Amino acid sequence: MTLPVTGSQTVGPFFRIGMAPLFREESAAEGVAGARVTIHGRVLDGDGMGVPDAQLEIWQADESGKYLEEEEKGTEPFYGFGRVPTNEKGEFRFTTIKPGCVAGPRNSAQAPHLVVLVFMRGLLRHLITRIYFGDEAANASDLILELVPEERRRTLIANREEASSMTYVWNVRLQGEEETAFFDV
């Protein structure tokens, strides 16, 4: 006897409940060394509409380019990790410190960046991407960024809202024209 094939099951009705305890719009307490930056934007679907139930999970190094050791993760004053939900318009906002350069492949230095995982209802596997800072000279020699086709690199770049501000704008487009570059890991 053969059983009928059924479709994949999406994440159930408790998606937000399971993620909410780790929401953190500030991933570095006041006084942590490093330049404080705010990043805001929207998560957009293929039609350019905001996704109201997405969540971004952010992983990052500290200002010296050091990732927290396992026993340090989730402790103040620097968390190195945070989750932020989108609102009903697909908007998000979080504040952290700008990370330093971290070690990369072939003894290179990776440009300051944030690793971002995107979760949302209906997405069977999370998406992985990065945020690079548009005003960072080290972007030109980042070997990971060089793996992304040149015409798509701009989808990973957060740009300053104003030249004198430490507020950056970055959007996640899930598909279609200007789709954000996502990484297979």
N, C-alpha and C. Protein backbone atom coordinates (compact mmCIF):
# COMPACT_ATOMS: atom_id res chain seq x y z
N MET A 1 0.85 -1.18 0.00
CA MET A 1 0.00 0.00 0.00
C MET A 1 0.89 1.24 0.00
N THR A 2 0.59 2.15 -0.89
CA THR A 2 1.34 3.40 -0.92
C THR A 2 0.50 4.50 -0.30
N LEU A 3 1.18 5.35 0.43
CA LEU A 3 0.49 6.48 1.06
C LEU A 3 0.51 7.68 0.11
N PRO A 4 -0.54 8.48 0.16
CA PRO A 4 -0.55 9.66 -0.71
C PRO A 4 0.52 10.66 -0.26
N VAL A 5 1.08 11.35 -1.23
CA VAL A 5 2.09 12.39 -0.94
C VAL A 5 1.34 13.66 -0.54
N THR A 6 1.81 14.27 0.53
CA THR A 6 1.19 15.53 0.96
C THR A 6 2.21 16.64 0.88
N GLY A 7 1.73 17.85 0.81
CA GLY A 7 2.60 19.02 0.73
C GLY A 7 3.34 19.26 2.02
N SER A 8 4.37 20.07 1.95
CA SER A 8 5.13 20.46 3.14
C SER A 8 4.25 21.27 4.07
N GLN A 9 4.55 21.17 5.34
CA GLN A 9 3.80 21.92 6.34
C GLN A 9 4.56 23.19 6.71
N THR A 10 3.91 24.31 6.71
CA THR A 10 4.56 25.56 7.11
C THR A 10 4.57 25.67 8.63
N VAL A 11 5.33 26.64 9.11
CA VAL A 11 5.41 26.87 10.55
C VAL A 11 4.02 27.20 11.07
N GLY A 12 3.66 26.60 12.19
CA GLY A 12 2.30 26.70 12.71
C GLY A 12 1.92 28.02 13.36
N PRO A 13 0.82 28.04 14.05
CA PRO A 13 0.28 29.30 14.59
C PRO A 13 1.09 29.85 15.76
N PHE A 14 2.07 29.10 16.26
CA PHE A 14 2.82 29.57 17.42
C PHE A 14 4.16 30.17 17.02
N PHE A 15 4.33 30.49 15.76
CA PHE A 15 5.58 31.02 15.25
C PHE A 15 6.06 32.22 16.06
N ARG A 16 5.24 33.23 16.17
CA ARG A 16 5.63 34.46 16.86
C ARG A 16 5.87 34.21 18.35
N ILE A 17 5.06 33.38 18.95
CA ILE A 17 5.20 33.10 20.38
C ILE A 17 6.56 32.48 20.67
N GLY A 18 7.01 31.58 19.81
CA GLY A 18 8.29 30.93 20.01
C GLY A 18 9.48 31.85 19.80
N MET A 19 9.31 32.89 19.01
CA MET A 19 10.41 33.79 18.71
C MET A 19 10.46 35.00 19.65
N ALA A 20 9.31 35.45 20.13
CA ALA A 20 9.20 36.70 20.87
C ALA A 20 10.09 36.83 22.11
N PRO A 21 10.37 35.79 22.88
CA PRO A 21 11.20 35.99 24.06
C PRO A 21 12.61 36.52 23.76
N LEU A 22 13.05 36.39 22.54
CA LEU A 22 14.39 36.86 22.20
C LEU A 22 14.39 38.17 21.41
N PHE A 23 13.23 38.83 21.31
CA PHE A 23 13.20 40.13 20.63
C PHE A 23 14.08 41.10 21.41
N ARG A 24 14.94 41.79 20.68
CA ARG A 24 15.84 42.76 21.31
C ARG A 24 16.19 43.81 20.26
N GLU A 25 15.65 45.00 20.40
CA GLU A 25 15.93 46.07 19.46
C GLU A 25 17.22 46.80 19.80
N GLU A 26 17.80 46.53 20.97
CA GLU A 26 19.09 47.09 21.39
C GLU A 26 20.00 45.90 21.68
N SER A 27 21.04 45.70 20.88
CA SER A 27 21.90 44.54 21.13
C SER A 27 23.21 44.92 21.83
N ALA A 28 23.31 46.17 22.24
CA ALA A 28 24.47 46.61 23.02
C ALA A 28 23.98 47.64 24.03
N ALA A 29 24.26 47.40 25.30
CA ALA A 29 23.85 48.33 26.34
C ALA A 29 24.63 49.65 26.21
N GLU A 30 24.08 50.70 26.76
CA GLU A 30 24.78 51.99 26.76
C GLU A 30 26.16 51.80 27.38
N GLY A 31 27.16 52.46 26.84
CA GLY A 31 28.49 52.38 27.39
C GLY A 31 29.38 51.32 26.77
N VAL A 32 28.82 50.44 25.94
CA VAL A 32 29.63 49.43 25.26
C VAL A 32 30.51 50.16 24.24
N ALA A 33 31.79 49.78 24.17
CA ALA A 33 32.71 50.41 23.23
C ALA A 33 32.26 50.19 21.80
N GLY A 34 32.38 51.22 21.00
CA GLY A 34 32.03 51.12 19.59
C GLY A 34 31.04 52.19 19.19
N ALA A 35 31.01 52.47 17.91
CA ALA A 35 30.08 53.45 17.36
C ALA A 35 28.68 52.86 17.31
N ARG A 36 27.74 53.53 17.95
CA ARG A 36 26.35 53.05 17.93
C ARG A 36 25.72 53.38 16.58
N VAL A 37 25.08 52.36 16.00
CA VAL A 37 24.40 52.53 14.72
C VAL A 37 22.96 52.03 14.85
N THR A 38 22.10 52.68 14.12
CA THR A 38 20.71 52.25 14.02
C THR A 38 20.47 51.84 12.58
N ILE A 39 19.83 50.71 12.40
CA ILE A 39 19.51 50.22 11.06
C ILE A 39 18.00 50.03 11.00
N HIS A 40 17.40 50.58 9.97
CA HIS A 40 15.96 50.39 9.79
C HIS A 40 15.66 50.16 8.32
N GLY A 41 14.51 49.56 8.08
CA GLY A 41 14.10 49.28 6.71
C GLY A 41 12.82 48.48 6.71
N ARG A 42 12.62 47.76 5.63
CA ARG A 42 11.42 46.95 5.48
C ARG A 42 11.77 45.59 4.90
N VAL A 43 10.95 44.60 5.22
CA VAL A 43 11.01 43.31 4.56
C VAL A 43 9.86 43.32 3.55
N LEU A 44 10.21 43.13 2.28
CA LEU A 44 9.24 43.26 1.19
C LEU A 44 9.08 41.96 0.42
N ASP A 45 7.85 41.66 0.00
CA ASP A 45 7.61 40.48 -0.81
C ASP A 45 7.91 40.80 -2.27
N GLY A 46 7.65 39.87 -3.16
CA GLY A 46 7.93 40.04 -4.57
C GLY A 46 7.15 41.16 -5.24
N ASP A 47 6.03 41.56 -4.64
CA ASP A 47 5.23 42.66 -5.19
C ASP A 47 5.57 43.99 -4.56
N GLY A 48 6.58 44.01 -3.69
CA GLY A 48 6.97 45.25 -3.03
C GLY A 48 6.11 45.60 -1.83
N MET A 49 5.31 44.65 -1.36
CA MET A 49 4.45 44.87 -0.20
C MET A 49 5.20 44.45 1.07
N GLY A 50 4.99 45.19 2.15
CA GLY A 50 5.63 44.86 3.42
C GLY A 50 5.14 43.54 3.98
N VAL A 51 6.05 42.77 4.57
CA VAL A 51 5.71 41.48 5.18
C VAL A 51 5.53 41.70 6.68
N PRO A 52 4.29 41.59 7.18
CA PRO A 52 4.02 41.96 8.57
C PRO A 52 4.44 40.94 9.63
N ASP A 53 4.82 39.74 9.25
CA ASP A 53 5.13 38.73 10.26
C ASP A 53 6.55 38.20 10.15
N ALA A 54 7.44 38.97 9.54
CA ALA A 54 8.84 38.53 9.42
C ALA A 54 9.61 38.90 10.69
N GLN A 55 10.69 38.19 10.89
CA GLN A 55 11.58 38.49 12.00
C GLN A 55 13.01 38.35 11.51
N LEU A 56 13.84 39.31 11.91
CA LEU A 56 15.24 39.28 11.56
C LEU A 56 16.03 38.87 12.79
N GLU A 57 16.95 37.95 12.61
CA GLU A 57 17.84 37.53 13.68
C GLU A 57 19.22 38.02 13.28
N ILE A 58 19.86 38.80 14.15
CA ILE A 58 21.12 39.45 13.84
C ILE A 58 22.24 38.86 14.69
N TRP A 59 23.35 38.47 14.05
CA TRP A 59 24.54 37.96 14.72
C TRP A 59 25.69 38.87 14.31
N GLN A 60 26.56 39.22 15.26
CA GLN A 60 27.64 40.12 14.91
C GLN A 60 28.82 40.03 15.86
N ALA A 61 29.96 40.53 15.39
CA ALA A 61 31.15 40.66 16.22
C ALA A 61 31.10 41.99 16.97
N ASP A 62 31.97 42.16 17.96
CA ASP A 62 32.06 43.43 18.67
C ASP A 62 32.93 44.41 17.88
N GLU A 63 33.22 45.56 18.44
CA GLU A 63 33.95 46.59 17.69
C GLU A 63 35.37 46.17 17.32
N SER A 64 35.93 45.21 18.06
CA SER A 64 37.28 44.74 17.75
C SER A 64 37.27 43.56 16.77
N GLY A 65 36.11 43.14 16.31
CA GLY A 65 36.00 42.04 15.36
C GLY A 65 35.96 40.68 16.02
N LYS A 66 35.65 40.64 17.30
CA LYS A 66 35.63 39.37 18.05
C LYS A 66 34.17 38.94 18.27
N TYR A 67 33.90 37.69 17.91
CA TYR A 67 32.59 37.11 18.23
C TYR A 67 32.62 36.63 19.67
N LEU A 68 31.49 36.69 20.34
CA LEU A 68 31.42 36.23 21.72
C LEU A 68 31.64 34.73 21.79
N GLU A 69 32.28 34.29 22.83
CA GLU A 69 32.42 32.86 23.09
C GLU A 69 31.07 32.33 23.53
N GLU A 70 30.84 31.04 23.39
CA GLU A 70 29.55 30.43 23.71
C GLU A 70 29.05 30.80 25.10
N GLU A 71 29.93 30.78 26.10
CA GLU A 71 29.50 31.07 27.46
C GLU A 71 29.18 32.55 27.68
N GLU A 72 29.59 33.42 26.76
CA GLU A 72 29.32 34.85 26.89
C GLU A 72 28.03 35.27 26.19
N LYS A 73 27.54 34.46 25.26
CA LYS A 73 26.41 34.86 24.42
C LYS A 73 25.17 35.17 25.27
N GLY A 74 24.52 36.25 24.89
CA GLY A 74 23.28 36.63 25.55
C GLY A 74 23.46 37.36 26.86
N THR A 75 24.68 37.75 27.19
CA THR A 75 24.90 38.47 28.44
C THR A 75 25.20 39.93 28.15
N GLU A 76 24.82 40.78 29.07
CA GLU A 76 25.12 42.20 28.90
C GLU A 76 26.58 42.43 29.17
N PRO A 77 27.17 43.49 28.71
CA PRO A 77 26.50 44.61 28.05
C PRO A 77 26.38 44.47 26.53
N PHE A 78 27.16 43.54 25.93
CA PHE A 78 27.07 43.33 24.48
C PHE A 78 26.55 41.93 24.22
N TYR A 79 25.47 41.82 23.51
CA TYR A 79 24.84 40.53 23.27
C TYR A 79 25.42 39.80 22.07
N GLY A 80 25.75 40.53 21.01
CA GLY A 80 26.22 39.90 19.79
C GLY A 80 25.11 39.20 19.02
N PHE A 81 23.88 39.38 19.49
CA PHE A 81 22.73 38.66 18.94
C PHE A 81 21.47 39.45 19.27
N GLY A 82 20.50 39.42 18.39
CA GLY A 82 19.21 40.01 18.67
C GLY A 82 18.20 39.59 17.61
N ARG A 83 16.94 39.71 17.96
CA ARG A 83 15.86 39.46 17.01
C ARG A 83 14.94 40.67 17.01
N VAL A 84 14.51 41.05 15.83
CA VAL A 84 13.56 42.15 15.71
C VAL A 84 12.43 41.73 14.77
N PRO A 85 11.20 42.00 15.19
CA PRO A 85 10.06 41.68 14.33
C PRO A 85 9.75 42.84 13.39
N THR A 86 9.01 42.55 12.34
CA THR A 86 8.49 43.62 11.49
C THR A 86 7.11 44.01 12.01
N ASN A 87 6.73 45.24 11.74
CA ASN A 87 5.39 45.69 12.12
C ASN A 87 4.40 45.38 10.98
N GLU A 88 3.19 45.89 11.08
CA GLU A 88 2.16 45.58 10.09
C GLU A 88 2.51 46.07 8.68
N LYS A 89 3.48 47.01 8.56
CA LYS A 89 3.91 47.51 7.25
C LYS A 89 5.20 46.84 6.78
N GLY A 90 5.69 45.87 7.56
CA GLY A 90 6.93 45.20 7.21
C GLY A 90 8.17 45.96 7.65
N GLU A 91 8.01 46.97 8.50
CA GLU A 91 9.13 47.80 8.94
C GLU A 91 9.83 47.19 10.15
N PHE A 92 11.14 47.42 10.24
CA PHE A 92 11.92 46.99 11.40
C PHE A 92 12.91 48.10 11.75
N ARG A 93 13.44 48.03 12.96
CA ARG A 93 14.46 48.98 13.43
C ARG A 93 15.20 48.33 14.59
N PHE A 94 16.53 48.49 14.60
CA PHE A 94 17.33 48.03 15.74
C PHE A 94 18.58 48.89 15.86
N THR A 95 19.14 48.90 17.05
CA THR A 95 20.35 49.65 17.35
C THR A 95 21.39 48.70 17.90
N THR A 96 22.63 48.89 17.47
CA THR A 96 23.74 48.06 17.92
C THR A 96 25.02 48.87 17.83
N ILE A 97 26.15 48.22 17.91
CA ILE A 97 27.42 48.89 17.64
C ILE A 97 27.94 48.39 16.31
N LYS A 98 28.69 49.25 15.63
CA LYS A 98 29.27 48.83 14.36
C LYS A 98 30.38 47.83 14.67
N PRO A 99 30.30 46.64 14.07
CA PRO A 99 31.32 45.62 14.34
C PRO A 99 32.64 45.98 13.67
N GLY A 100 33.70 45.38 14.16
CA GLY A 100 35.00 45.53 13.53
C GLY A 100 35.19 44.49 12.45
N CYS A 101 36.33 44.54 11.78
CA CYS A 101 36.67 43.54 10.77
C CYS A 101 36.93 42.21 11.46
N VAL A 102 36.44 41.13 10.87
CA VAL A 102 36.66 39.79 11.42
C VAL A 102 37.51 38.99 10.44
N ALA A 103 38.15 37.94 10.94
CA ALA A 103 38.99 37.09 10.10
C ALA A 103 38.16 36.43 9.02
N GLY A 104 38.73 36.36 7.83
CA GLY A 104 38.03 35.77 6.71
C GLY A 104 38.84 34.69 6.05
N PRO A 105 38.39 34.21 4.90
CA PRO A 105 39.11 33.14 4.19
C PRO A 105 40.50 33.60 3.75
N ARG A 106 41.42 32.65 3.66
CA ARG A 106 42.79 32.90 3.17
C ARG A 106 43.48 34.04 3.92
N ASN A 107 43.30 34.06 5.24
CA ASN A 107 43.93 35.07 6.10
C ASN A 107 43.57 36.50 5.73
N SER A 108 42.40 36.69 5.16
CA SER A 108 41.94 38.03 4.82
C SER A 108 41.11 38.58 5.98
N ALA A 109 40.79 39.84 5.89
CA ALA A 109 39.88 40.46 6.86
C ALA A 109 38.56 40.73 6.16
N GLN A 110 37.46 40.33 6.80
CA GLN A 110 36.14 40.63 6.26
C GLN A 110 35.74 42.03 6.70
N ALA A 111 35.09 42.75 5.83
CA ALA A 111 34.60 44.08 6.16
C ALA A 111 33.58 43.98 7.30
N PRO A 112 33.43 45.03 8.09
CA PRO A 112 32.41 45.01 9.13
C PRO A 112 31.04 44.66 8.53
N HIS A 113 30.36 43.72 9.16
CA HIS A 113 29.07 43.28 8.64
C HIS A 113 28.25 42.66 9.77
N LEU A 114 26.98 42.50 9.52
CA LEU A 114 26.06 41.79 10.40
C LEU A 114 25.53 40.60 9.62
N VAL A 115 25.45 39.45 10.25
CA VAL A 115 24.83 38.28 9.63
C VAL A 115 23.35 38.33 10.01
N VAL A 116 22.49 38.17 9.02
CA VAL A 116 21.05 38.29 9.25
C VAL A 116 20.34 37.03 8.76
N LEU A 117 19.51 36.46 9.63
CA LEU A 117 18.65 35.35 9.26
C LEU A 117 17.22 35.90 9.20
N VAL A 118 16.50 35.54 8.17
CA VAL A 118 15.12 36.01 7.99
C VAL A 118 14.19 34.83 8.23
N PHE A 119 13.25 35.02 9.15
CA PHE A 119 12.22 34.02 9.47
C PHE A 119 10.86 34.63 9.17
N MET A 120 9.92 33.83 8.73
CA MET A 120 8.54 34.30 8.57
C MET A 120 7.63 33.11 8.34
N ARG A 121 6.37 33.32 8.63
CA ARG A 121 5.37 32.27 8.42
C ARG A 121 5.35 31.92 6.93
N GLY A 122 5.27 30.63 6.64
CA GLY A 122 5.23 30.18 5.26
C GLY A 122 6.60 29.93 4.65
N LEU A 123 7.64 30.31 5.34
CA LEU A 123 9.01 30.08 4.87
C LEU A 123 9.52 28.82 5.56
N LEU A 124 9.76 27.78 4.81
CA LEU A 124 10.13 26.51 5.41
C LEU A 124 11.56 26.48 5.92
N ARG A 125 12.43 27.26 5.31
CA ARG A 125 13.83 27.39 5.75
C ARG A 125 14.15 28.86 5.86
N HIS A 126 14.82 29.23 6.93
CA HIS A 126 15.19 30.64 7.06
C HIS A 126 16.16 31.03 5.95
N LEU A 127 16.23 32.31 5.68
CA LEU A 127 17.14 32.85 4.68
C LEU A 127 18.32 33.50 5.39
N ILE A 128 19.50 33.42 4.81
CA ILE A 128 20.69 34.00 5.42
C ILE A 128 21.27 35.05 4.48
N THR A 129 21.54 36.22 5.02
CA THR A 129 22.14 37.29 4.25
C THR A 129 23.07 38.08 5.15
N ARG A 130 23.58 39.17 4.66
CA ARG A 130 24.47 40.03 5.44
C ARG A 130 24.11 41.48 5.20
N ILE A 131 24.46 42.31 6.18
CA ILE A 131 24.39 43.75 6.03
C ILE A 131 25.82 44.28 6.08
N TYR A 132 26.23 44.95 5.02
CA TYR A 132 27.50 45.67 4.98
C TYR A 132 27.19 47.16 5.06
N PHE A 133 28.15 47.95 5.51
CA PHE A 133 27.97 49.39 5.66
C PHE A 133 28.51 50.09 4.42
N GLY A 134 27.66 50.89 3.78
CA GLY A 134 28.00 51.53 2.51
C GLY A 134 29.21 52.44 2.56
N ASP A 135 29.53 52.98 3.72
CA ASP A 135 30.65 53.91 3.84
C ASP A 135 31.92 53.24 4.32
N GLU A 136 32.00 51.93 4.23
CA GLU A 136 33.13 51.16 4.74
C GLU A 136 34.10 50.84 3.60
N ALA A 137 35.32 51.36 3.69
CA ALA A 137 36.34 51.12 2.66
C ALA A 137 36.70 49.64 2.53
N ALA A 138 36.63 48.89 3.62
CA ALA A 138 37.00 47.47 3.60
C ALA A 138 36.07 46.62 2.73
N ASN A 139 34.92 47.15 2.32
CA ASN A 139 34.02 46.39 1.44
C ASN A 139 34.72 45.99 0.14
N ALA A 140 35.62 46.85 -0.34
CA ALA A 140 36.28 46.62 -1.63
C ALA A 140 37.14 45.37 -1.63
N SER A 141 37.59 44.90 -0.46
CA SER A 141 38.47 43.73 -0.42
C SER A 141 37.86 42.55 0.34
N ASP A 142 36.57 42.60 0.65
CA ASP A 142 35.92 41.52 1.37
C ASP A 142 35.68 40.34 0.42
N LEU A 143 36.33 39.21 0.71
CA LEU A 143 36.24 38.04 -0.19
C LEU A 143 34.83 37.44 -0.25
N ILE A 144 34.07 37.53 0.82
CA ILE A 144 32.70 37.00 0.81
C ILE A 144 31.82 37.89 -0.06
N LEU A 145 31.94 39.20 0.09
CA LEU A 145 31.17 40.13 -0.72
C LEU A 145 31.53 39.97 -2.20
N GLU A 146 32.79 39.65 -2.49
CA GLU A 146 33.21 39.44 -3.88
C GLU A 146 32.56 38.21 -4.51
N LEU A 147 32.08 37.27 -3.69
CA LEU A 147 31.40 36.09 -4.22
C LEU A 147 30.03 36.43 -4.81
N VAL A 148 29.47 37.54 -4.38
CA VAL A 148 28.14 37.97 -4.85
C VAL A 148 28.32 38.69 -6.18
N PRO A 149 27.52 38.35 -7.19
CA PRO A 149 27.64 39.05 -8.47
C PRO A 149 27.57 40.57 -8.26
N GLU A 150 28.43 41.27 -8.95
CA GLU A 150 28.57 42.72 -8.75
C GLU A 150 27.24 43.47 -8.80
N GLU A 151 26.37 43.09 -9.73
CA GLU A 151 25.09 43.80 -9.87
C GLU A 151 24.14 43.55 -8.69
N ARG A 152 24.44 42.54 -7.85
CA ARG A 152 23.55 42.23 -6.71
C ARG A 152 24.14 42.68 -5.37
N ARG A 153 25.39 43.09 -5.36
CA ARG A 153 26.04 43.47 -4.09
C ARG A 153 25.31 44.60 -3.38
N ARG A 154 24.74 45.51 -4.13
CA ARG A 154 24.06 46.66 -3.50
C ARG A 154 22.90 46.22 -2.61
N THR A 155 22.38 45.00 -2.82
CA THR A 155 21.28 44.52 -1.98
C THR A 155 21.75 44.17 -0.58
N LEU A 156 23.07 44.11 -0.37
CA LEU A 156 23.64 43.79 0.94
C LEU A 156 24.17 45.05 1.65
N ILE A 157 24.05 46.19 0.99
CA ILE A 157 24.65 47.42 1.51
C ILE A 157 23.60 48.30 2.19
N ALA A 158 23.88 48.65 3.46
CA ALA A 158 23.06 49.63 4.17
C ALA A 158 23.72 50.99 3.99
N ASN A 159 22.94 51.97 3.60
CA ASN A 159 23.48 53.31 3.38
C ASN A 159 23.00 54.27 4.45
N ARG A 160 23.86 55.24 4.76
CA ARG A 160 23.50 56.23 5.76
C ARG A 160 22.27 57.01 5.30
N GLU A 161 21.39 57.25 6.25
CA GLU A 161 20.19 58.04 5.97
C GLU A 161 20.58 59.47 5.61
N GLU A 162 21.51 60.03 6.37
CA GLU A 162 22.07 61.36 6.12
C GLU A 162 23.56 61.25 6.37
N ALA A 163 24.35 62.06 5.69
CA ALA A 163 25.81 61.98 5.81
C ALA A 163 26.29 62.13 7.26
N SER A 164 25.62 62.93 8.04
CA SER A 164 26.06 63.19 9.42
C SER A 164 25.45 62.24 10.44
N SER A 165 24.66 61.31 9.99
CA SER A 165 23.92 60.42 10.88
C SER A 165 24.58 59.05 10.97
N MET A 166 24.32 58.34 12.07
CA MET A 166 24.76 56.95 12.20
C MET A 166 23.54 56.03 12.05
N THR A 167 22.56 56.49 11.30
CA THR A 167 21.37 55.70 10.99
C THR A 167 21.47 55.24 9.54
N TYR A 168 21.32 53.93 9.37
CA TYR A 168 21.44 53.31 8.05
C TYR A 168 20.10 52.75 7.62
N VAL A 169 19.88 52.73 6.31
CA VAL A 169 18.67 52.17 5.72
C VAL A 169 19.05 50.93 4.91
N TRP A 170 18.33 49.84 5.16
CA TRP A 170 18.57 48.59 4.43
C TRP A 170 17.25 47.84 4.35
N ASN A 171 16.90 47.38 3.16
CA ASN A 171 15.66 46.62 2.95
C ASN A 171 15.97 45.19 2.53
N VAL A 172 15.08 44.30 2.88
CA VAL A 172 15.15 42.91 2.46
C VAL A 172 14.03 42.70 1.45
N ARG A 173 14.40 42.36 0.24
CA ARG A 173 13.40 42.03 -0.77
C ARG A 173 13.49 40.53 -0.99
N LEU A 174 12.39 39.83 -0.74
CA LEU A 174 12.38 38.37 -0.73
C LEU A 174 12.45 37.73 -2.11
N GLN A 175 11.98 38.42 -3.14
CA GLN A 175 12.03 37.90 -4.50
C GLN A 175 11.75 39.01 -5.48
N GLY A 176 11.92 38.72 -6.74
CA GLY A 176 11.64 39.69 -7.78
C GLY A 176 12.81 40.61 -8.07
N GLU A 177 12.50 41.71 -8.74
CA GLU A 177 13.52 42.69 -9.09
C GLU A 177 14.15 43.24 -7.81
N GLU A 178 15.46 43.35 -7.80
CA GLU A 178 16.22 43.83 -6.64
C GLU A 178 16.15 42.87 -5.45
N GLU A 179 15.92 41.57 -5.72
CA GLU A 179 15.90 40.57 -4.65
C GLU A 179 17.23 40.62 -3.88
N THR A 180 17.14 40.57 -2.57
CA THR A 180 18.32 40.54 -1.73
C THR A 180 19.13 39.29 -2.02
N ALA A 181 20.45 39.41 -2.00
CA ALA A 181 21.31 38.24 -2.17
C ALA A 181 21.27 37.42 -0.89
N PHE A 182 20.93 36.15 -1.01
CA PHE A 182 20.90 35.23 0.13
C PHE A 182 21.98 34.18 -0.09
N PHE A 183 22.50 33.65 1.02
CA PHE A 183 23.60 32.70 0.97
C PHE A 183 23.10 31.29 1.28
N ASP A 184 23.63 30.30 0.58
CA ASP A 184 23.40 28.90 0.90
C ASP A 184 24.50 28.48 1.87
N VAL A 185 24.13 27.89 2.97
CA VAL A 185 25.14 27.46 3.94
C VAL A 185 24.95 26.00 4.26
